[in-house]
PDB file of N, CA and C in Angstrom:
ATOM      1  N   MET A   1      43.036  -7.152 -21.121  1.00  0.00           N
ATOM      2  CA  MET A   1      41.900  -6.508 -20.373  1.00  0.00           C
ATOM      3  C   MET A   1      41.194  -7.687 -20.655  1.00  0.00           C
ATOM      4  N   ARG A   2      40.441  -7.585 -19.205  1.00  0.00           N
ATOM      5  CA  ARG A   2      39.694  -8.827 -18.611  1.00  0.00           C
ATOM      6  C   ARG A   2      38.371  -9.014 -18.883  1.00  0.00           C
ATOM      7  N   THR A   3      37.836 -10.100 -19.621  1.00  0.00           N
ATOM      8  CA  THR A   3      36.430 -10.027 -19.958  1.00  0.00           C
ATOM      9  C   THR A   3      35.459 -10.424 -18.381  1.00  0.00           C
ATOM     10  N   LEU A   4      34.799  -9.626 -18.184  1.00  0.00           N
ATOM     11  CA  LEU A   4      33.923 -11.055 -17.348  1.00  0.00           C
ATOM     12  C   LEU A   4      32.655 -11.337 -17.407  1.00  0.00           C
ATOM     13  N   LYS A   5      32.330 -12.367 -16.929  1.00  0.00           N
ATOM     14  CA  LYS A   5      31.163 -13.331 -16.987  1.00  0.00           C
ATOM     15  C   LYS A   5      30.445 -11.933 -16.988  1.00  0.00           C
ATOM     16  N   LYS A   6      28.537 -12.519 -17.869  1.00  0.00           N
ATOM     17  CA  LYS A   6      28.042 -11.439 -18.276  1.00  0.00           C
ATOM     18  C   LYS A   6      27.069 -11.441 -16.629  1.00  0.00           C
ATOM     19  N   SER A   7      27.489 -10.509 -15.635  1.00  0.00           N
ATOM     20  CA  SER A   7      26.038 -10.077 -15.147  1.00  0.00           C
ATOM     21  C   SER A   7      26.313  -8.768 -15.123  1.00  0.00           C
ATOM     22  N   THR A   8      25.365  -7.742 -13.880  1.00  0.00           N
ATOM     23  CA  THR A   8      24.463  -6.722 -13.421  1.00  0.00           C
ATOM     24  C   THR A   8      26.455  -6.472 -12.761  1.00  0.00           C
ATOM     25  N   ALA A   9      26.155  -5.457 -13.431  1.00  0.00           N
ATOM     26  CA  ALA A   9      28.395  -4.645 -12.628  1.00  0.00           C
ATOM     27  C   ALA A   9      27.375  -3.331 -12.402  1.00  0.00           C
ATOM     28  N   LEU A  10      28.287  -2.939 -11.441  1.00  0.00           N
ATOM     29  CA  LEU A  10      28.716  -1.485 -11.087  1.00  0.00           C
ATOM     30  C   LEU A  10      29.909  -0.744 -11.236  1.00  0.00           C
ATOM     31  N   PHE A  11      30.324   0.235 -12.127  1.00  0.00           N
ATOM     32  CA  PHE A  11      31.456   0.781 -12.709  1.00  0.00           C
ATOM     33  C   PHE A  11      31.659   2.201 -11.713  1.00  0.00           C
ATOM     34  N   TYR A  12      32.641   2.459 -11.672  1.00  0.00           N
ATOM     35  CA  TYR A  12      33.318   4.201 -11.529  1.00  0.00           C
ATOM     36  C   TYR A  12      33.887   4.879 -13.078  1.00  0.00           C
ATOM     37  N   ILE A  13      33.189   6.221 -13.116  1.00  0.00           N
ATOM     38  CA  ILE A  13      33.650   6.340 -14.395  1.00  0.00           C
ATOM     39  C   ILE A  13      33.650   7.846 -14.367  1.00  0.00           C
ATOM     40  N   GLU A  14      34.963   8.087 -14.867  1.00  0.00           N
ATOM     41  CA  GLU A  14      35.588   9.562 -14.097  1.00  0.00           C
ATOM     42  C   GLU A  14      34.789  10.482 -15.160  1.00  0.00           C
ATOM     43  N   ARG A  15      34.476  11.942 -14.886  1.00  0.00           N
ATOM     44  CA  ARG A  15      33.385  12.623 -15.357  1.00  0.00           C
ATOM     45  C   ARG A  15      34.255  12.748 -17.300  1.00  0.00           C
ATOM     46  N   ASP A  16      35.438  12.833 -17.103  1.00  0.00           N
ATOM     47  CA  ASP A  16      35.916  13.394 -18.175  1.00  0.00           C
ATOM     48  C   ASP A  16      36.087  12.133 -19.118  1.00  0.00           C
ATOM     49  N   CYS A  17      36.197  10.710 -18.787  1.00  0.00           N
ATOM     50  CA  CYS A  17      36.138   9.517 -19.164  1.00  0.00           C
ATOM     51  C   CYS A  17      36.012   9.715 -20.919  1.00  0.00           C
ATOM     52  N   GLY A  18      36.895   9.406 -21.926  1.00  0.00           N
ATOM     53  CA  GLY A  18      36.238   9.311 -22.845  1.00  0.00           C
ATOM     54  C   GLY A  18      35.439   8.834 -23.555  1.00  0.00           C
ATOM     55  N   GLY A  19      34.313   8.996 -24.442  1.00  0.00           N
ATOM     56  CA  GLY A  19      33.673   7.845 -24.678  1.00  0.00           C
ATOM     57  C   GLY A  19      31.885   8.099 -23.907  1.00  0.00           C
ATOM     58  N   LEU A  20      32.067   8.900 -22.821  1.00  0.00           N
ATOM     59  CA  LEU A  20      30.867   9.119 -21.968  1.00  0.00           C
ATOM     60  C   LEU A  20      30.541  10.692 -22.201  1.00  0.00           C
ATOM     61  N   SER A  21      29.541  10.748 -22.565  1.00  0.00           N
ATOM     62  CA  SER A  21      28.887  11.451 -22.691  1.00  0.00           C
ATOM     63  C   SER A  21      27.106  12.246 -21.703  1.00  0.00           C
ATOM     64  N   LEU A  22      26.569  13.169 -21.944  1.00  0.00           N
ATOM     65  CA  LEU A  22      25.051  13.465 -20.774  1.00  0.00           C
ATOM     66  C   LEU A  22      24.417  13.893 -22.042  1.00  0.00           C
ATOM     67  N   ASN A  23      22.994  13.740 -22.048  1.00  0.00           N
ATOM     68  CA  ASN A  23      22.400  14.601 -22.554  1.00  0.00           C
ATOM     69  C   ASN A  23      20.874  15.063 -21.606  1.00  0.00           C
ATOM     70  N   LEU A  24      21.025  16.280 -21.679  1.00  0.00           N
ATOM     71  CA  LEU A  24      20.426  16.851 -20.501  1.00  0.00           C
ATOM     72  C   LEU A  24      18.804  17.270 -21.583  1.00  0.00           C
ATOM     73  N   THR A  25      17.466  17.203 -20.649  1.00  0.00           N
ATOM     74  CA  THR A  25      16.431  17.568 -21.381  1.00  0.00           C
ATOM     75  C   THR A  25      15.538  18.423 -20.405  1.00  0.00           C
ATOM     76  N   GLU A  26      15.319  19.425 -20.253  1.00  0.00           N
ATOM     77  CA  GLU A  26      14.237  20.457 -19.462  1.00  0.00           C
ATOM     78  C   GLU A  26      12.985  19.918 -19.654  1.00  0.00           C
ATOM     79  N   CYS A  27      12.948  19.951 -18.104  1.00  0.00           N
ATOM     80  CA  CYS A  27      11.609  19.091 -18.001  1.00  0.00           C
ATOM     81  C   CYS A  27      10.297  20.564 -18.004  1.00  0.00           C
ATOM     82  N   ALA A  28       9.084  20.305 -17.972  1.00  0.00           N
ATOM     83  CA  ALA A  28       7.846  21.215 -17.862  1.00  0.00           C
ATOM     84  C   ALA A  28       8.446  21.993 -16.008  1.00  0.00           C
ATOM     85  N   ASP A  29       8.719  21.346 -15.131  1.00  0.00           N
ATOM     86  CA  ASP A  29       8.912  21.658 -13.804  1.00  0.00           C
ATOM     87  C   ASP A  29      10.191  22.596 -13.748  1.00  0.00           C
ATOM     88  N   GLY A  30      10.982  22.187 -14.670  1.00  0.00           N
ATOM     89  CA  GLY A  30      12.222  23.082 -14.643  1.00  0.00           C
ATOM     90  C   GLY A  30      13.166  22.688 -13.812  1.00  0.00           C
ATOM     91  N   THR A  31      13.032  21.251 -13.780  1.00  0.00           N
ATOM     92  CA  THR A  31      14.629  20.486 -13.585  1.00  0.00           C
ATOM     93  C   THR A  31      14.732  19.978 -14.932  1.00  0.00           C
ATOM     94  N   TYR A  32      15.658  19.045 -14.974  1.00  0.00           N
ATOM     95  CA  TYR A  32      16.267  18.256 -15.544  1.00  0.00           C
ATOM     96  C   TYR A  32      16.006  16.791 -15.476  1.00  0.00           C
ATOM     97  N   SER A  33      15.864  15.799 -16.997  1.00  0.00           N
ATOM     98  CA  SER A  33      16.055  14.333 -16.991  1.00  0.00           C
ATOM     99  C   SER A  33      16.930  14.405 -17.832  1.00  0.00           C
ATOM    100  N   GLY A  34      18.247  13.067 -17.312  1.00  0.00           N
ATOM    101  CA  GLY A  34      19.784  13.066 -18.139  1.00  0.00           C
ATOM    102  C   GLY A  34      19.692  11.735 -18.712  1.00  0.00           C
ATOM    103  N   LYS A  35      20.181  11.114 -19.748  1.00  0.00           N
ATOM    104  CA  LYS A  35      20.509  10.371 -20.027  1.00  0.00           C
ATOM    105  C   LYS A  35      21.964  10.401 -20.345  1.00  0.00           C
ATOM    106  N   ILE A  36      22.554   9.353 -19.993  1.00  0.00           N
ATOM    107  CA  ILE A  36      23.927   8.624 -19.599  1.00  0.00           C
ATOM    108  C   ILE A  36      24.617   7.770 -21.060  1.00  0.00           C
ATOM    109  N   ILE A  37      25.156   8.314 -21.895  1.00  0.00           N
ATOM    110  CA  ILE A  37      25.674   7.623 -23.470  1.00  0.00           C
ATOM    111  C   ILE A  37      26.880   7.403 -23.532  1.00  0.00           C
ATOM    112  N   LEU A  38      26.760   5.876 -23.280  1.00  0.00           N
ATOM    113  CA  LEU A  38      28.585   5.590 -23.254  1.00  0.00           C
ATOM    114  C   LEU A  38      28.620   4.751 -24.463  1.00  0.00           C
ATOM    115  N   ASP A  39      29.770   5.484 -25.343  1.00  0.00           N
ATOM    116  CA  ASP A  39      30.265   5.314 -26.784  1.00  0.00           C
ATOM    117  C   ASP A  39      31.871   4.250 -26.506  1.00  0.00           C
ATOM    118  N   ASP A  40      32.075   3.760 -27.010  1.00  0.00           N
ATOM    119  CA  ASP A  40      33.350   2.503 -27.023  1.00  0.00           C
ATOM    120  C   ASP A  40      34.233   3.020 -25.294  1.00  0.00           C
ATOM    121  N   VAL A  41      32.726   3.029 -23.913  1.00  0.00           N
ATOM    122  CA  VAL A  41      34.108   3.250 -22.907  1.00  0.00           C
ATOM    123  C   VAL A  41      35.287   2.524 -22.301  1.00  0.00           C
ATOM    124  N   GLN A  42      36.057   2.669 -22.439  1.00  0.00           N
ATOM    125  CA  GLN A  42      37.332   1.924 -21.894  1.00  0.00           C
ATOM    126  C   GLN A  42      37.704   2.226 -20.186  1.00  0.00           C
ATOM    127  N   LEU A  43      37.803   0.933 -19.377  1.00  0.00           N
ATOM    128  CA  LEU A  43      38.111   1.199 -18.019  1.00  0.00           C
ATOM    129  C   LEU A  43      38.836  -0.266 -17.379  1.00  0.00           C
ATOM    130  N   ASP A  44      39.572   0.213 -16.685  1.00  0.00           N
ATOM    131  CA  ASP A  44      40.220  -0.636 -16.156  1.00  0.00           C
ATOM    132  C   ASP A  44      39.840  -1.381 -14.998  1.00  0.00           C
ATOM    133  N   GLU A  45      40.470  -2.873 -14.697  1.00  0.00           N
ATOM    134  CA  GLU A  45      39.945  -3.312 -13.502  1.00  0.00           C
ATOM    135  C   GLU A  45      39.474  -2.821 -12.050  1.00  0.00           C
ATOM    136  N   THR A  46      40.297  -1.521 -11.957  1.00  0.00           N
ATOM    137  CA  THR A  46      39.649  -0.883 -11.074  1.00  0.00           C
ATOM    138  C   THR A  46      38.748   0.019 -10.541  1.00  0.00           C
ATOM    139  N   SER A  47      37.998  -0.098 -12.250  1.00  0.00           N
ATOM    140  CA  SER A  47      36.701   0.888 -11.970  1.00  0.00           C
ATOM    141  C   SER A  47      35.498   0.013 -11.986  1.00  0.00           C
ATOM    142  N   LEU A  48      35.614  -1.211 -11.485  1.00  0.00           N
ATOM    143  CA  LEU A  48      34.627  -2.357 -10.916  1.00  0.00           C
ATOM    144  C   LEU A  48      34.604  -1.939  -9.139  1.00  0.00           C
ATOM    145  N   LEU A  49      33.168  -1.693  -8.835  1.00  0.00           N
ATOM    146  CA  LEU A  49      32.725  -1.439  -7.722  1.00  0.00           C
ATOM    147  C   LEU A  49      32.020  -2.692  -6.784  1.00  0.00           C
ATOM    148  N   ALA A  50      31.198  -3.529  -8.053  1.00  0.00           N
ATOM    149  CA  ALA A  50      30.398  -4.189  -7.610  1.00  0.00           C
ATOM    150  C   ALA A  50      30.038  -4.907  -8.452  1.00  0.00           C
ATOM    151  N   ALA A  51      29.533  -6.410  -8.388  1.00  0.00           N
ATOM    152  CA  ALA A  51      28.908  -6.839  -9.520  1.00  0.00           C
ATOM    153  C   ALA A  51      28.310  -8.390  -9.259  1.00  0.00           C
ATOM    154  N   GLY A  52      26.875  -8.518  -9.649  1.00  0.00           N
ATOM    155  CA  GLY A  52      26.539  -9.404  -9.093  1.00  0.00           C
ATOM    156  C   GLY A  52      24.918  -9.181  -8.346  1.00  0.00           C
ATOM    157  N   ASP A  53      24.783  -9.998  -7.407  1.00  0.00           N
ATOM    158  CA  ASP A  53      23.834  -9.831  -6.393  1.00  0.00           C
ATOM    159  C   ASP A  53      23.675  -8.655  -5.915  1.00  0.00           C
ATOM    160  N   SER A  54      24.885  -8.269  -4.857  1.00  0.00           N
ATOM    161  CA  SER A  54      25.112  -7.081  -4.588  1.00  0.00           C
ATOM    162  C   SER A  54      24.508  -5.802  -5.460  1.00  0.00           C
ATOM    163  N   VAL A  55      24.955  -6.067  -6.678  1.00  0.00           N
ATOM    164  CA  VAL A  55      24.919  -4.202  -7.200  1.00  0.00           C
ATOM    165  C   VAL A  55      23.000  -4.745  -7.118  1.00  0.00           C
ATOM    166  N   LEU A  56      22.206  -5.993  -7.638  1.00  0.00           N
ATOM    167  CA  LEU A  56      20.899  -5.885  -7.265  1.00  0.00           C
ATOM    168  C   LEU A  56      20.415  -5.329  -6.201  1.00  0.00           C
ATOM    169  N   GLU A  57      20.621  -5.691  -5.471  1.00  0.00           N
ATOM    170  CA  GLU A  57      20.345  -5.576  -3.913  1.00  0.00           C
ATOM    171  C   GLU A  57      20.360  -3.892  -3.873  1.00  0.00           C
ATOM    172  N   ALA A  58      21.445  -3.577  -4.326  1.00  0.00           N
ATOM    173  CA  ALA A  58      21.636  -2.164  -4.089  1.00  0.00           C
ATOM    174  C   ALA A  58      20.987  -1.577  -5.111  1.00  0.00           C
ATOM    175  N   MET A  59      20.830  -2.277  -6.393  1.00  0.00           N
ATOM    176  CA  MET A  59      19.702  -1.173  -7.186  1.00  0.00           C
ATOM    177  C   MET A  59      18.410  -1.567  -6.500  1.00  0.00           C
ATOM    178  N   ASP A  60      17.661  -2.160  -5.801  1.00  0.00           N
ATOM    179  CA  ASP A  60      16.782  -2.233  -5.294  1.00  0.00           C
ATOM    180  C   ASP A  60      16.295  -1.306  -4.498  1.00  0.00           C
ATOM    181  N   TYR A  61      17.909  -0.552  -3.474  1.00  0.00           N
ATOM    182  CA  TYR A  61      17.716   0.076  -2.631  1.00  0.00           C
ATOM    183  C   TYR A  61      17.251   1.491  -2.914  1.00  0.00           C
ATOM    184  N   VAL A  62      18.494   1.533  -3.913  1.00  0.00           N
ATOM    185  CA  VAL A  62      18.063   3.296  -4.647  1.00  0.00           C
ATOM    186  C   VAL A  62      16.822   3.401  -5.290  1.00  0.00           C
ATOM    187  N   ARG A  63      16.254   2.285  -6.201  1.00  0.00           N
ATOM    188  CA  ARG A  63      14.726   2.694  -6.190  1.00  0.00           C
ATOM    189  C   ARG A  63      13.831   2.746  -5.421  1.00  0.00           C
ATOM    190  N   ASP A  64      14.232   1.923  -4.173  1.00  0.00           N
ATOM    191  CA  ASP A  64      12.933   2.811  -3.126  1.00  0.00           C
ATOM    192  C   ASP A  64      12.883   3.736  -2.736  1.00  0.00           C
ATOM    193  N   GLN A  65      14.304   4.272  -2.475  1.00  0.00           N
ATOM    194  CA  GLN A  65      14.463   5.622  -1.793  1.00  0.00           C
ATOM    195  C   GLN A  65      13.843   6.711  -2.824  1.00  0.00           C
ATOM    196  N   ALA A  66      13.732   6.292  -4.543  1.00  0.00           N
ATOM    197  CA  ALA A  66      14.084   7.220  -5.631  1.00  0.00           C
ATOM    198  C   ALA A  66      12.150   7.049  -5.313  1.00  0.00           C
ATOM    199  N   ARG A  67      11.583   6.578  -4.808  1.00  0.00           N
ATOM    200  CA  ARG A  67      10.550   6.608  -4.997  1.00  0.00           C
ATOM    201  C   ARG A  67       9.446   6.976  -3.503  1.00  0.00           C
ATOM    202  N   VAL A  68       9.994   6.889  -2.500  1.00  0.00           N
ATOM    203  CA  VAL A  68      10.104   7.826  -1.531  1.00  0.00           C
ATOM    204  C   VAL A  68      10.291   9.100  -1.658  1.00  0.00           C
ATOM    205  N   MET A  69      10.981  10.037  -2.042  1.00  0.00           N
ATOM    206  CA  MET A  69      11.554  11.052  -2.700  1.00  0.00           C
ATOM    207  C   MET A  69      10.472  11.479  -3.651  1.00  0.00           C
ATOM    208  N   THR A  70      10.362  10.571  -4.870  1.00  0.00           N
ATOM    209  CA  THR A  70       8.901  11.574  -5.771  1.00  0.00           C
ATOM    210  C   THR A  70       7.910  11.246  -4.997  1.00  0.00           C
ATOM    211  N   SER A  71       7.612  10.631  -4.282  1.00  0.00           N
ATOM    212  CA  SER A  71       6.110  10.603  -3.551  1.00  0.00           C
ATOM    213  C   SER A  71       5.864  11.961  -3.098  1.00  0.00           C
ATOM    214  N   ALA A  72       6.784  12.768  -1.620  1.00  0.00           N
ATOM    215  CA  ALA A  72       7.507  13.822  -1.155  1.00  0.00           C
ATOM    216  C   ALA A  72       6.960  14.426  -2.173  1.00  0.00           C
ATOM    217  N   TYR A  73       7.937  14.122  -3.303  1.00  0.00           N
ATOM    218  CA  TYR A  73       7.716  16.194  -3.964  1.00  0.00           C
ATOM    219  C   TYR A  73       6.077  16.019  -4.814  1.00  0.00           C
ATOM    220  N   LEU A  74       5.641  14.555  -4.764  1.00  0.00           N
ATOM    221  CA  LEU A  74       4.391  14.791  -5.265  1.00  0.00           C
ATOM    222  C   LEU A  74       3.391  15.098  -4.488  1.00  0.00           C
ATOM    223  N   VAL A  75       3.624  14.840  -3.593  1.00  0.00           N
ATOM    224  CA  VAL A  75       2.492  15.065  -2.472  1.00  0.00           C
ATOM    225  C   VAL A  75       2.323  17.187  -2.193  1.00  0.00           C
ATOM    226  N   GLY A  76       4.379  17.795  -2.134  1.00  0.00           N
ATOM    227  CA  GLY A  76       4.339  19.057  -2.188  1.00  0.00           C
ATOM    228  C   GLY A  76       3.791  19.477  -3.136  1.00  0.00           C
ATOM    229  N   LEU A  77       3.357  18.965  -4.770  1.00  0.00           N
ATOM    230  CA  LEU A  77       3.014  19.483  -5.434  1.00  0.00           C
ATOM    231  C   LEU A  77       1.809  19.837  -5.677  1.00  0.00           C
ATOM    232  N   ALA A  78       1.205  18.676  -5.196  1.00  0.00           N
ATOM    233  CA  ALA A  78      -0.361  19.012  -4.682  1.00  0.00           C
ATOM    234  C   ALA A  78      -0.861  19.510  -3.695  1.00  0.00           C
ATOM    235  N   GLU A  79      -0.092  19.284  -2.710  1.00  0.00           N
ATOM    236  CA  GLU A  79      -0.406  20.650  -1.745  1.00  0.00           C
ATOM    237  C   GLU A  79      -0.095  22.080  -2.320  1.00  0.00           C
ATOM    238  N   ASN A  80       0.647  22.837  -3.264  1.00  0.00           N
ATOM    239  CA  ASN A  80       0.626  23.968  -3.656  1.00  0.00           C
ATOM    240  C   ASN A  80      -0.233  23.962  -4.489  1.00  0.00           C
ATOM    241  N   VAL A  81      -0.726  22.986  -5.642  1.00  0.00           N
ATOM    242  CA  VAL A  81      -1.739  22.702  -6.436  1.00  0.00           C
ATOM    243  C   VAL A  81      -3.204  23.478  -5.425  1.00  0.00           C
ATOM    244  N   PHE A  82      -3.268  22.887  -4.419  1.00  0.00           N
ATOM    245  CA  PHE A  82      -4.954  22.770  -3.581  1.00  0.00           C
ATOM    246  C   PHE A  82      -4.484  24.116  -3.361  1.00  0.00           C
ATOM    247  N   ASP A  83      -3.645  24.900  -2.833  1.00  0.00           N
ATOM    248  CA  ASP A  83      -3.492  26.262  -2.086  1.00  0.00           C
ATOM    249  C   ASP A  83      -3.824  27.135  -3.219  1.00  0.00           C
ATOM    250  N   ILE A  84      -3.315  26.626  -4.671  1.00  0.00           N
ATOM    251  CA  ILE A  84      -3.661  27.877  -5.858  1.00  0.00           C
ATOM    252  C   ILE A  84      -4.950  27.674  -5.994  1.00  0.00           C
ATOM    253  N   THR A  85      -5.662  26.732  -5.565  1.00  0.00           N
ATOM    254  CA  THR A  85      -7.205  26.266  -6.189  1.00  0.00           C
ATOM    255  C   THR A  85      -7.988  27.139  -5.266  1.00  0.00           C
ATOM    256  N   ILE A  86      -7.371  27.162  -3.835  1.00  0.00           N
ATOM    257  CA  ILE A  86      -8.244  27.424  -2.393  1.00  0.00           C
ATOM    258  C   ILE A  86      -8.165  29.149  -2.801  1.00  0.00           C
ATOM    259  N   ASP A  87      -7.227  30.034  -3.607  1.00  0.00           N
ATOM    260  CA  ASP A  87      -6.763  31.103  -3.257  1.00  0.00           C
ATOM    261  C   ASP A  87      -7.483  31.815  -4.615  1.00  0.00           C
ATOM    262  N   TYR A  88      -7.648  30.571  -6.125  1.00  0.00           N
ATOM    263  CA  TYR A  88      -8.437  31.230  -7.352  1.00  0.00           C
ATOM    264  C   TYR A  88     -10.098  31.154  -7.090  1.00  0.00           C
ATOM    265  N   LEU A  89     -10.375  30.045  -6.191  1.00  0.00           N
ATOM    266  CA  LEU A  89     -11.644  30.314  -5.620  1.00  0.00           C
ATOM    267  C   LEU A  89     -12.477  31.634  -4.984  1.00  0.00           C
ATOM    268  N   LYS A  90     -10.812  31.774  -4.157  1.00  0.00           N
ATOM    269  CA  LYS A  90     -11.335  33.661  -3.127  1.00  0.00           C
ATOM    270  C   LYS A  90     -12.033  34.191  -4.152  1.00  0.00           C
ATOM    271  N   VAL A  91     -10.988  34.451  -5.279  1.00  0.00           N
ATOM    272  CA  VAL A  91     -11.002  35.703  -5.797  1.00  0.00           C
ATOM    273  C   VAL A  91     -12.318  35.829  -6.800  1.00  0.00           C
ATOM    274  N   THR A  92     -12.772  34.450  -7.430  1.00  0.00           N
ATOM    275  CA  THR A  92     -13.620  34.241  -8.112  1.00  0.00           C
ATOM    276  C   THR A  92     -15.320  34.159  -7.324  1.00  0.00           C
ATOM    277  N   LYS A  93     -15.345  34.029  -6.473  1.00  0.00           N
ATOM    278  CA  LYS A  93     -16.360  34.167  -5.054  1.00  0.00           C
ATOM    279  C   LYS A  93     -16.747  35.614  -4.897  1.00  0.00           C
ATOM    280  N   ALA A  94     -15.489  36.719  -5.405  1.00  0.00           N
ATOM    281  CA  ALA A  94     -15.665  37.973  -4.784  1.00  0.00           C
ATOM    282  C   ALA A  94     -16.020  38.436  -6.095  1.00  0.00           C
ATOM    283  N   ILE A  95     -15.351  38.297  -7.402  1.00  0.00           N
ATOM    284  CA  ILE A  95     -15.820  38.710  -8.458  1.00  0.00           C
ATOM    285  C   ILE A  95     -17.358  38.049  -8.498  1.00  0.00           C
ATOM    286  N   TRP A  96     -17.991  37.278  -7.984  1.00  0.00           N
ATOM    287  CA  TRP A  96     -19.357  36.986  -8.795  1.00  0.00           C
ATOM    288  C   TRP A  96     -20.359  37.371  -7.782  1.00  0.00           C
ATOM    289  N   GLN A  97     -19.389  38.068  -6.216  1.00  0.00           N
ATOM    290  CA  GLN A  97     -20.285  38.834  -5.341  1.00  0.00           C
ATOM    291  C   GLN A  97     -20.214  40.651  -6.022  1.00  0.00           C
ATOM    292  N   TYR A  98     -19.210  40.668  -6.253  1.00  0.00           N
ATOM    293  CA  TYR A  98     -19.228  42.043  -6.890  1.00  0.00           C
ATOM    294  C   TYR A  98     -20.025  42.469  -7.897  1.00  0.00           C
ATOM    295  N   ASN A  99     -20.034  41.322  -8.853  1.00  0.00           N
ATOM    296  CA  ASN A  99     -21.485  41.359 -10.356  1.00  0.00           C
ATOM    297  C   ASN A  99     -22.275  40.904  -9.665  1.00  0.00           C
ATOM    298  N   ARG A 100     -22.987  40.368  -8.878  1.00  0.00           N
ATOM    299  CA  ARG A 100     -23.791  40.591  -8.223  1.00  0.00           C
ATOM    300  C   ARG A 100     -24.769  41.713  -7.373  1.00  0.00           C
ATOM    301  N   LYS A 101     -24.174  42.063  -6.592  1.00  0.00           N
ATOM    302  CA  LYS A 101     -24.476  43.977  -6.221  1.00  0.00           C
ATOM    303  C   LYS A 101     -24.525  44.354  -7.286  1.00  0.00           C
ATOM    304  N   PHE A 102     -23.384  44.935  -8.460  1.00  0.00           N
ATOM    305  CA  PHE A 102     -23.431  45.475  -9.516  1.00  0.00           C
ATOM    306  C   PHE A 102     -24.831  45.432 -10.255  1.00  0.00           C
ATOM    307  N   SER A 103     -25.121  43.947 -10.256  1.00  0.00           N
ATOM    308  CA  SER A 103     -26.210  43.649 -11.020  1.00  0.00           C
ATOM    309  C   SER A 103     -27.773  44.122 -10.276  1.00  0.00           C
ATOM    310  N   SER A 104     -27.860  44.050  -9.458  1.00  0.00           N
ATOM    311  CA  SER A 104     -29.260  44.336  -8.543  1.00  0.00           C
ATOM    312  C   SER A 104     -28.915  45.523  -8.691  1.00  0.00           C
ATOM    313  N   LEU A 105     -27.948  46.571  -8.687  1.00  0.00           N
ATOM    314  CA  LEU A 105     -27.877  48.119  -8.500  1.00  0.00           C
ATOM    315  C   LEU A 105     -28.808  48.249  -9.777  1.00  0.00           C
ATOM    316  N   ALA A 106     -28.027  48.013 -10.728  1.00  0.00           N
ATOM    317  CA  ALA A 106     -28.190  48.222 -12.428  1.00  0.00           C
ATOM    318  C   ALA A 106     -29.821  47.930 -12.559  1.00  0.00           C
ATOM    319  N   THR A 107     -30.487  46.916 -12.097  1.00  0.00           N
ATOM    320  CA  THR A 107     -31.977  46.085 -11.885  1.00  0.00           C
ATOM    321  C   THR A 107     -32.643  47.026 -11.536  1.00  0.00           C
ATOM    322  N   SER A 108     -32.493  48.150 -10.160  1.00  0.00           N
ATOM    323  CA  SER A 108     -33.000  49.301  -9.563  1.00  0.00           C
ATOM    324  C   SER A 108     -33.133  50.209  -9.450  1.00  0.00           C
ATOM    325  N   CYS A 109     -32.116  50.746 -10.924  1.00  0.00           N
ATOM    326  CA  CYS A 109     -32.007  52.007 -11.574  1.00  0.00           C
ATOM    327  C   CYS A 109     -32.561  51.715 -12.854  1.00  0.00           C
ATOM    328  N   GLY A 110     -32.825  51.007 -13.478  1.00  0.00           N
ATOM    329  CA  GLY A 110     -33.701  51.010 -14.654  1.00  0.00           C
ATOM    330  C   GLY A 110     -34.946  50.395 -14.369  1.00  0.00           C
TER     331      GLY A 110
END
């Protein structure tokens, strides 16, 4: 077994690898958040995909892409909340108009 000098590295790990587990938590919006747990995972040299600065650059790129996707998701979420709010205000307005008509009718009859 070869030991690498200390640096950031990217490895390919098979899903059924011993010592690998995934802990999923359901989020409020129905999606899942996951935590990968590595406990004494043994890998051979062919599992190493990249190490050093190239991994850091790739991670920066992936984080940028994740920020773009998260932003798009949040814009869609905000648009949906806005549409729901408009529908609610329309219903509330109709109820208030009905109550005002009923109140004036009750006053004129009294």
